[in-house]
């Protein structure tokens, strides 16, 4: 969530974020962060279970997708435009 908030500070409604003390809170937070990422335009390849179970490879693809979105938004994607 912090990563998405860094890209677009208004993307996260912090009043909807739970403390994450219970499995239900963690599930709700994971679903929310996926929803926000999709709303911003990121391509999401993981499920909320992948986040709550902390699957490293899936988390890396999620972070890479957010990073790609941020770079393409800023125009620094490293792609040459002809």
PDB file of N, CA and C in Angstrom:
ATOM      1  N   UNK A   1       0.821  -1.191   0.000  1.00  0.00           N
ATOM      2  CA  UNK A   1       0.000   0.000   0.000  1.00  0.00           C
ATOM      3  C   UNK A   1       0.858   1.245   0.000  1.00  0.00           C
ATOM      4  N   UNK A   2       1.944   1.186   0.740  1.00  0.00           N
ATOM      5  CA  UNK A   2       2.833   2.346   0.777  1.00  0.00           C
ATOM      6  C   UNK A   2       3.430   2.623  -0.599  1.00  0.00           C
ATOM      7  N   UNK A   3       3.749   1.572  -1.326  1.00  0.00           N
ATOM      8  CA  UNK A   3       4.304   1.736  -2.670  1.00  0.00           C
ATOM      9  C   UNK A   3       3.293   2.406  -3.599  1.00  0.00           C
ATOM     10  N   UNK A   4       2.051   1.972  -3.554  1.00  0.00           N
ATOM     11  CA  UNK A   4       1.006   2.594  -4.373  1.00  0.00           C
ATOM     12  C   UNK A   4       0.745   4.033  -3.934  1.00  0.00           C
ATOM     13  N   UNK A   5       0.787   4.282  -2.648  1.00  0.00           N
ATOM     14  CA  UNK A   5       0.591   5.639  -2.145  1.00  0.00           C
ATOM     15  C   UNK A   5       1.732   6.555  -2.569  1.00  0.00           C
ATOM     16  N   UNK A   6       2.921   6.003  -2.731  1.00  0.00           N
ATOM     17  CA  UNK A   6       4.061   6.796  -3.194  1.00  0.00           C
ATOM     18  C   UNK A   6       3.871   7.220  -4.644  1.00  0.00           C
ATOM     19  N   UNK A   7       3.309   6.338  -5.443  1.00  0.00           N
ATOM     20  CA  UNK A   7       3.080   6.631  -6.847  1.00  0.00           C
ATOM     21  C   UNK A   7       1.958   7.653  -7.013  1.00  0.00           C
ATOM     22  N   UNK A   8       0.881   7.449  -6.265  1.00  0.00           N
ATOM     23  CA  UNK A   8      -0.273   8.357  -6.320  1.00  0.00           C
ATOM     24  C   UNK A   8      -0.779   8.512  -4.894  1.00  0.00           C
ATOM     25  N   UNK A   9      -0.472   9.629  -4.270  1.00  0.00           N
ATOM     26  CA  UNK A   9      -0.760   9.791  -2.842  1.00  0.00           C
ATOM     27  C   UNK A   9      -2.241   9.701  -2.503  1.00  0.00           C
ATOM     28  N   UNK A  10      -3.104   9.966  -3.459  1.00  0.00           N
ATOM     29  CA  UNK A  10      -4.542   9.909  -3.202  1.00  0.00           C
ATOM     30  C   UNK A  10      -5.148   8.546  -3.538  1.00  0.00           C
ATOM     31  N   UNK A  11      -4.328   7.591  -3.944  1.00  0.00           N
ATOM     32  CA  UNK A  11      -4.862   6.294  -4.367  1.00  0.00           C
ATOM     33  C   UNK A  11      -5.345   5.438  -3.199  1.00  0.00           C
ATOM     34  N   UNK A  12      -4.763   5.608  -2.022  1.00  0.00           N
ATOM     35  CA  UNK A  12      -5.121   4.789  -0.865  1.00  0.00           C
ATOM     36  C   UNK A  12      -5.977   5.613   0.095  1.00  0.00           C
ATOM     37  N   UNK A  13      -7.132   5.081   0.444  1.00  0.00           N
ATOM     38  CA  UNK A  13      -7.976   5.672   1.481  1.00  0.00           C
ATOM     39  C   UNK A  13      -7.594   4.962   2.781  1.00  0.00           C
ATOM     40  N   UNK A  14      -6.779   5.604   3.587  1.00  0.00           N
ATOM     41  CA  UNK A  14      -6.230   4.970   4.775  1.00  0.00           C
ATOM     42  C   UNK A  14      -7.293   4.612   5.802  1.00  0.00           C
ATOM     43  N   UNK A  15      -8.480   5.184   5.687  1.00  0.00           N
ATOM     44  CA  UNK A  15      -9.565   4.836   6.602  1.00  0.00           C
ATOM     45  C   UNK A  15     -10.096   3.424   6.330  1.00  0.00           C
ATOM     46  N   UNK A  16      -9.842   2.910   5.127  1.00  0.00           N
ATOM     47  CA  UNK A  16     -10.288   1.567   4.767  1.00  0.00           C
ATOM     48  C   UNK A  16      -9.269   0.488   5.108  1.00  0.00           C
ATOM     49  N   UNK A  17      -8.072   0.898   5.507  1.00  0.00           N
ATOM     50  CA  UNK A  17      -6.996  -0.049   5.799  1.00  0.00           C
ATOM     51  C   UNK A  17      -7.109  -0.502   7.255  1.00  0.00           C
ATOM     52  N   UNK A  18      -7.055  -1.823   7.439  1.00  0.00           N
ATOM     53  CA  UNK A  18      -7.138  -2.410   8.779  1.00  0.00           C
ATOM     54  C   UNK A  18      -5.744  -2.593   9.374  1.00  0.00           C
ATOM     55  N   UNK A  19      -5.707  -2.819  10.672  1.00  0.00           N
ATOM     56  CA  UNK A  19      -4.428  -3.016  11.363  1.00  0.00           C
ATOM     57  C   UNK A  19      -3.739  -4.308  10.930  1.00  0.00           C
ATOM     58  N   UNK A  20      -4.499  -5.294  10.484  1.00  0.00           N
ATOM     59  CA  UNK A  20      -3.918  -6.552  10.037  1.00  0.00           C
ATOM     60  C   UNK A  20      -3.671  -7.532  11.166  1.00  0.00           C
ATOM     61  N   UNK A  21      -4.369  -7.347  12.271  1.00  0.00           N
ATOM     62  CA  UNK A  21      -4.177  -8.225  13.423  1.00  0.00           C
ATOM     63  C   UNK A  21      -4.826  -9.601  13.231  1.00  0.00           C
ATOM     64  N   UNK A  22      -5.903  -9.662  12.473  1.00  0.00           N
ATOM     65  CA  UNK A  22      -6.608 -10.928  12.275  1.00  0.00           C
ATOM     66  C   UNK A  22      -6.480 -11.372  10.812  1.00  0.00           C
ATOM     67  N   UNK A  23      -6.716 -12.640  10.544  1.00  0.00           N
ATOM     68  CA  UNK A  23      -6.683 -13.113   9.155  1.00  0.00           C
ATOM     69  C   UNK A  23      -7.705 -12.392   8.267  1.00  0.00           C
ATOM     70  N   UNK A  24      -8.847 -12.038   8.834  1.00  0.00           N
ATOM     71  CA  UNK A  24      -9.867 -11.308   8.069  1.00  0.00           C
ATOM     72  C   UNK A  24      -9.377  -9.915   7.682  1.00  0.00           C
ATOM     73  N   UNK A  25      -8.671  -9.249   8.603  1.00  0.00           N
ATOM     74  CA  UNK A  25      -8.106  -7.930   8.305  1.00  0.00           C
ATOM     75  C   UNK A  25      -7.061  -8.019   7.202  1.00  0.00           C
ATOM     76  N   UNK A  26      -6.201  -9.030   7.289  1.00  0.00           N
ATOM     77  CA  UNK A  26      -5.167  -9.198   6.264  1.00  0.00           C
ATOM     78  C   UNK A  26      -5.791  -9.505   4.908  1.00  0.00           C
ATOM     79  N   UNK A  27      -6.847 -10.312   4.899  1.00  0.00           N
ATOM     80  CA  UNK A  27      -7.551 -10.618   3.654  1.00  0.00           C
ATOM     81  C   UNK A  27      -8.154  -9.354   3.054  1.00  0.00           C
ATOM     82  N   UNK A  28      -8.811  -8.561   3.875  1.00  0.00           N
ATOM     83  CA  UNK A  28      -9.430  -7.318   3.390  1.00  0.00           C
ATOM     84  C   UNK A  28      -8.377  -6.351   2.857  1.00  0.00           C
ATOM     85  N   UNK A  29      -7.256  -6.233   3.552  1.00  0.00           N
ATOM     86  CA  UNK A  29      -6.180  -5.348   3.088  1.00  0.00           C
ATOM     87  C   UNK A  29      -5.597  -5.825   1.762  1.00  0.00           C
ATOM     88  N   UNK A  30      -5.413  -7.131   1.623  1.00  0.00           N
ATOM     89  CA  UNK A  30      -4.863  -7.681   0.381  1.00  0.00           C
ATOM     90  C   UNK A  30      -5.820  -7.446  -0.784  1.00  0.00           C
ATOM     91  N   UNK A  31      -7.097  -7.665  -0.543  1.00  0.00           N
ATOM     92  CA  UNK A  31      -8.088  -7.414  -1.598  1.00  0.00           C
ATOM     93  C   UNK A  31      -8.116  -5.935  -1.967  1.00  0.00           C
ATOM     94  N   UNK A  32      -7.990  -5.076  -0.977  1.00  0.00           N
ATOM     95  CA  UNK A  32      -8.017  -3.639  -1.232  1.00  0.00           C
ATOM     96  C   UNK A  32      -6.807  -3.191  -2.056  1.00  0.00           C
ATOM     97  N   UNK A  33      -5.627  -3.678  -1.717  1.00  0.00           N
ATOM     98  CA  UNK A  33      -4.431  -3.248  -2.446  1.00  0.00           C
ATOM     99  C   UNK A  33      -4.467  -3.734  -3.898  1.00  0.00           C
ATOM    100  N   UNK A  34      -5.015  -4.920  -4.137  1.00  0.00           N
ATOM    101  CA  UNK A  34      -5.168  -5.408  -5.509  1.00  0.00           C
ATOM    102  C   UNK A  34      -6.159  -4.535  -6.265  1.00  0.00           C
ATOM    103  N   UNK A  35      -7.230  -4.182  -5.613  1.00  0.00           N
ATOM    104  CA  UNK A  35      -8.242  -3.330  -6.232  1.00  0.00           C
ATOM    105  C   UNK A  35      -7.665  -1.965  -6.607  1.00  0.00           C
ATOM    106  N   UNK A  36      -6.895  -1.389  -5.709  1.00  0.00           N
ATOM    107  CA  UNK A  36      -6.290  -0.078  -5.984  1.00  0.00           C
ATOM    108  C   UNK A  36      -5.290  -0.177  -7.129  1.00  0.00           C
ATOM    109  N   UNK A  37      -4.493  -1.238  -7.139  1.00  0.00           N
ATOM    110  CA  UNK A  37      -3.506  -1.415  -8.211  1.00  0.00           C
ATOM    111  C   UNK A  37      -4.198  -1.534  -9.562  1.00  0.00           C
ATOM    112  N   UNK A  38      -5.281  -2.294  -9.616  1.00  0.00           N
ATOM    113  CA  UNK A  38      -6.022  -2.426 -10.875  1.00  0.00           C
ATOM    114  C   UNK A  38      -6.643  -1.094 -11.281  1.00  0.00           C
ATOM    115  N   UNK A  39      -7.168  -0.374 -10.322  1.00  0.00           N
ATOM    116  CA  UNK A  39      -7.793   0.917 -10.604  1.00  0.00           C
ATOM    117  C   UNK A  39      -6.777   1.900 -11.192  1.00  0.00           C
ATOM    118  N   UNK A  40      -5.543   1.842 -10.709  1.00  0.00           N
ATOM    119  CA  UNK A  40      -4.498   2.721 -11.234  1.00  0.00           C
ATOM    120  C   UNK A  40      -4.060   2.316 -12.640  1.00  0.00           C
ATOM    121  N   UNK A  41      -4.247   1.045 -12.983  1.00  0.00           N
ATOM    122  CA  UNK A  41      -3.872   0.578 -14.315  1.00  0.00           C
ATOM    123  C   UNK A  41      -2.766  -0.455 -14.320  1.00  0.00           C
ATOM    124  N   UNK A  42      -2.399  -0.950 -13.147  1.00  0.00           N
ATOM    125  CA  UNK A  42      -1.371  -1.993 -13.072  1.00  0.00           C
ATOM    126  C   UNK A  42      -1.951  -3.326 -13.519  1.00  0.00           C
ATOM    127  N   UNK A  43      -1.109  -4.122 -14.137  1.00  0.00           N
ATOM    128  CA  UNK A  43      -1.507  -5.471 -14.536  1.00  0.00           C
ATOM    129  C   UNK A  43      -1.223  -6.394 -13.347  1.00  0.00           C
ATOM    130  N   UNK A  44      -2.262  -6.997 -12.798  1.00  0.00           N
ATOM    131  CA  UNK A  44      -2.135  -7.789 -11.578  1.00  0.00           C
ATOM    132  C   UNK A  44      -2.238  -9.276 -11.903  1.00  0.00           C
ATOM    133  N   UNK A  45      -1.240 -10.042 -11.481  1.00  0.00           N
ATOM    134  CA  UNK A  45      -1.178 -11.472 -11.758  1.00  0.00           C
ATOM    135  C   UNK A  45      -1.351 -12.329 -10.514  1.00  0.00           C
ATOM    136  N   UNK A  46      -1.606 -11.744  -9.366  1.00  0.00           N
ATOM    137  CA  UNK A  46      -1.692 -12.525  -8.150  1.00  0.00           C
ATOM    138  C   UNK A  46      -3.064 -12.395  -7.509  1.00  0.00           C
ATOM    139  N   UNK A  47      -3.324 -13.245  -6.551  1.00  0.00           N
ATOM    140  CA  UNK A  47      -4.580 -13.211  -5.812  1.00  0.00           C
ATOM    141  C   UNK A  47      -4.306 -12.718  -4.394  1.00  0.00           C
ATOM    142  N   UNK A  48      -5.370 -12.431  -3.673  1.00  0.00           N
ATOM    143  CA  UNK A  48      -5.175 -11.960  -2.304  1.00  0.00           C
ATOM    144  C   UNK A  48      -4.523 -13.041  -1.445  1.00  0.00           C
ATOM    145  N   UNK A  49      -4.756 -14.311  -1.773  1.00  0.00           N
ATOM    146  CA  UNK A  49      -4.120 -15.391  -1.018  1.00  0.00           C
ATOM    147  C   UNK A  49      -2.602 -15.363  -1.183  1.00  0.00           C
ATOM    148  N   UNK A  50      -2.136 -15.011  -2.379  1.00  0.00           N
ATOM    149  CA  UNK A  50      -0.693 -14.921  -2.614  1.00  0.00           C
ATOM    150  C   UNK A  50      -0.058 -13.860  -1.718  1.00  0.00           C
ATOM    151  N   UNK A  51      -0.787 -12.786  -1.463  1.00  0.00           N
ATOM    152  CA  UNK A  51      -0.270 -11.729  -0.602  1.00  0.00           C
ATOM    153  C   UNK A  51      -0.268 -12.174   0.853  1.00  0.00           C
ATOM    154  N   UNK A  52      -1.390 -12.721   1.319  1.00  0.00           N
ATOM    155  CA  UNK A  52      -1.462 -13.111   2.726  1.00  0.00           C
ATOM    156  C   UNK A  52      -0.547 -14.280   3.054  1.00  0.00           C
ATOM    157  N   UNK A  53      -0.272 -15.130   2.073  1.00  0.00           N
ATOM    158  CA  UNK A  53       0.655 -16.252   2.279  1.00  0.00           C
ATOM    159  C   UNK A  53       2.102 -15.852   1.986  1.00  0.00           C
ATOM    160  N   UNK A  54       2.310 -14.629   1.542  1.00  0.00           N
ATOM    161  CA  UNK A  54       3.619 -14.049   1.225  1.00  0.00           C
ATOM    162  C   UNK A  54       4.416 -14.970   0.302  1.00  0.00           C
ATOM    163  N   UNK A  55       3.871 -15.190  -0.872  1.00  0.00           N
ATOM    164  CA  UNK A  55       4.569 -15.987  -1.886  1.00  0.00           C
ATOM    165  C   UNK A  55       5.549 -15.065  -2.609  1.00  0.00           C
ATOM    166  N   UNK A  56       6.854 -15.302  -2.403  1.00  0.00           N
ATOM    167  CA  UNK A  56       7.873 -14.362  -2.891  1.00  0.00           C
ATOM    168  C   UNK A  56       7.825 -14.078  -4.393  1.00  0.00           C
ATOM    169  N   UNK A  57       7.656 -15.097  -5.211  1.00  0.00           N
ATOM    170  CA  UNK A  57       7.669 -14.886  -6.661  1.00  0.00           C
ATOM    171  C   UNK A  57       6.458 -14.079  -7.116  1.00  0.00           C
ATOM    172  N   UNK A  58       5.308 -14.348  -6.510  1.00  0.00           N
ATOM    173  CA  UNK A  58       4.104 -13.598  -6.869  1.00  0.00           C
ATOM    174  C   UNK A  58       4.196 -12.154  -6.386  1.00  0.00           C
ATOM    175  N   UNK A  59       4.775 -11.961  -5.204  1.00  0.00           N
ATOM    176  CA  UNK A  59       4.952 -10.605  -4.685  1.00  0.00           C
ATOM    177  C   UNK A  59       5.913  -9.815  -5.581  1.00  0.00           C
ATOM    178  N   UNK A  60       6.926 -10.498  -6.093  1.00  0.00           N
ATOM    179  CA  UNK A  60       7.884  -9.828  -6.977  1.00  0.00           C
ATOM    180  C   UNK A  60       7.202  -9.402  -8.279  1.00  0.00           C
ATOM    181  N   UNK A  61       6.335 -10.237  -8.830  1.00  0.00           N
ATOM    182  CA  UNK A  61       5.633  -9.845 -10.052  1.00  0.00           C
ATOM    183  C   UNK A  61       4.700  -8.670  -9.786  1.00  0.00           C
ATOM    184  N   UNK A  62       4.096  -8.632  -8.601  1.00  0.00           N
ATOM    185  CA  UNK A  62       3.217  -7.527  -8.237  1.00  0.00           C
ATOM    186  C   UNK A  62       4.003  -6.223  -8.135  1.00  0.00           C
ATOM    187  N   UNK A  63       5.117  -6.265  -7.444  1.00  0.00           N
ATOM    188  CA  UNK A  63       5.961  -5.077  -7.301  1.00  0.00           C
ATOM    189  C   UNK A  63       6.501  -4.650  -8.667  1.00  0.00           C
ATOM    190  N   UNK A  64       6.884  -5.611  -9.498  1.00  0.00           N
ATOM    191  CA  UNK A  64       7.382  -5.284 -10.835  1.00  0.00           C
ATOM    192  C   UNK A  64       6.294  -4.627 -11.683  1.00  0.00           C
ATOM    193  N   UNK A  65       5.073  -5.089 -11.549  1.00  0.00           N
ATOM    194  CA  UNK A  65       3.961  -4.493 -12.285  1.00  0.00           C
ATOM    195  C   UNK A  65       3.723  -3.051 -11.837  1.00  0.00           C
ATOM    196  N   UNK A  66       3.785  -2.824 -10.544  1.00  0.00           N
ATOM    197  CA  UNK A  66       3.624  -1.459 -10.019  1.00  0.00           C
ATOM    198  C   UNK A  66       4.777  -0.586 -10.496  1.00  0.00           C
ATOM    199  N   UNK A  67       5.977  -1.132 -10.471  1.00  0.00           N
ATOM    200  CA  UNK A  67       7.151  -0.384 -10.930  1.00  0.00           C
ATOM    201  C   UNK A  67       7.035  -0.042 -12.414  1.00  0.00           C
ATOM    202  N   UNK A  68       6.584  -0.988 -13.224  1.00  0.00           N
ATOM    203  CA  UNK A  68       6.391  -0.732 -14.647  1.00  0.00           C
ATOM    204  C   UNK A  68       5.374   0.382 -14.856  1.00  0.00           C
ATOM    205  N   UNK A  69       4.280   0.325 -14.107  1.00  0.00           N
ATOM    206  CA  UNK A  69       3.264   1.371 -14.198  1.00  0.00           C
ATOM    207  C   UNK A  69       3.858   2.730 -13.843  1.00  0.00           C
ATOM    208  N   UNK A  70       4.616   2.791 -12.764  1.00  0.00           N
ATOM    209  CA  UNK A  70       5.192   4.059 -12.321  1.00  0.00           C
ATOM    210  C   UNK A  70       6.170   4.614 -13.349  1.00  0.00           C
ATOM    211  N   UNK A  71       6.982   3.745 -13.930  1.00  0.00           N
ATOM    212  CA  UNK A  71       7.951   4.202 -14.935  1.00  0.00           C
ATOM    213  C   UNK A  71       7.271   4.650 -16.214  1.00  0.00           C
ATOM    214  N   UNK A  72       6.236   3.937 -16.629  1.00  0.00           N
ATOM    215  CA  UNK A  72       5.540   4.341 -17.854  1.00  0.00           C
ATOM    216  C   UNK A  72       4.752   5.633 -17.632  1.00  0.00           C
ATOM    217  N   UNK A  73       4.272   5.838 -16.419  1.00  0.00           N
ATOM    218  CA  UNK A  73       3.547   7.057 -16.083  1.00  0.00           C
ATOM    219  C   UNK A  73       4.480   8.271 -16.099  1.00  0.00           C
ATOM    220  N   UNK A  74       5.708   8.068 -15.605  1.00  0.00           N
ATOM    221  CA  UNK A  74       6.652   9.177 -15.535  1.00  0.00           C
ATOM    222  C   UNK A  74       7.389   9.398 -16.845  1.00  0.00           C
ATOM    223  N   UNK A  75       7.234   8.471 -17.790  1.00  0.00           N
ATOM    224  CA  UNK A  75       7.906   8.610 -19.074  1.00  0.00           C
ATOM    225  C   UNK A  75       9.327   8.088 -19.053  1.00  0.00           C
ATOM    226  N   UNK A  76       9.738   7.452 -17.986  1.00  0.00           N
ATOM    227  CA  UNK A  76      11.100   6.931 -17.861  1.00  0.00           C
ATOM    228  C   UNK A  76      11.184   5.441 -18.018  1.00  0.00           C
ATOM    229  N   UNK A  77      10.407   4.886 -18.899  1.00  0.00           N
ATOM    230  CA  UNK A  77      10.350   3.442 -19.075  1.00  0.00           C
ATOM    231  C   UNK A  77      11.570   2.848 -19.759  1.00  0.00           C
ATOM    232  N   UNK A  78      12.478   3.667 -20.252  1.00  0.00           N
ATOM    233  CA  UNK A  78      13.653   3.155 -20.917  1.00  0.00           C
ATOM    234  C   UNK A  78      13.408   2.704 -22.326  1.00  0.00           C
ATOM    235  N   UNK A  79      12.204   2.896 -22.822  1.00  0.00           N
ATOM    236  CA  UNK A  79      11.889   2.500 -24.199  1.00  0.00           C
ATOM    237  C   UNK A  79      12.122   3.674 -25.116  1.00  0.00           C
ATOM    238  N   UNK A  80      12.754   3.419 -26.239  1.00  0.00           N
ATOM    239  CA  UNK A  80      12.976   4.497 -27.186  1.00  0.00           C
ATOM    240  C   UNK A  80      11.729   4.674 -28.035  1.00  0.00           C
ATOM    241  N   UNK A  81      11.329   5.915 -28.211  1.00  0.00           N
ATOM    242  CA  UNK A  81      10.124   6.213 -29.016  1.00  0.00           C
ATOM    243  C   UNK A  81      10.559   6.801 -30.331  1.00  0.00           C
ATOM    244  N   UNK A  82      10.144   6.153 -31.407  1.00  0.00           N
ATOM    245  CA  UNK A  82      10.544   6.630 -32.734  1.00  0.00           C
ATOM    246  C   UNK A  82       9.334   7.004 -33.547  1.00  0.00           C
TER     247      UNK A  82
END
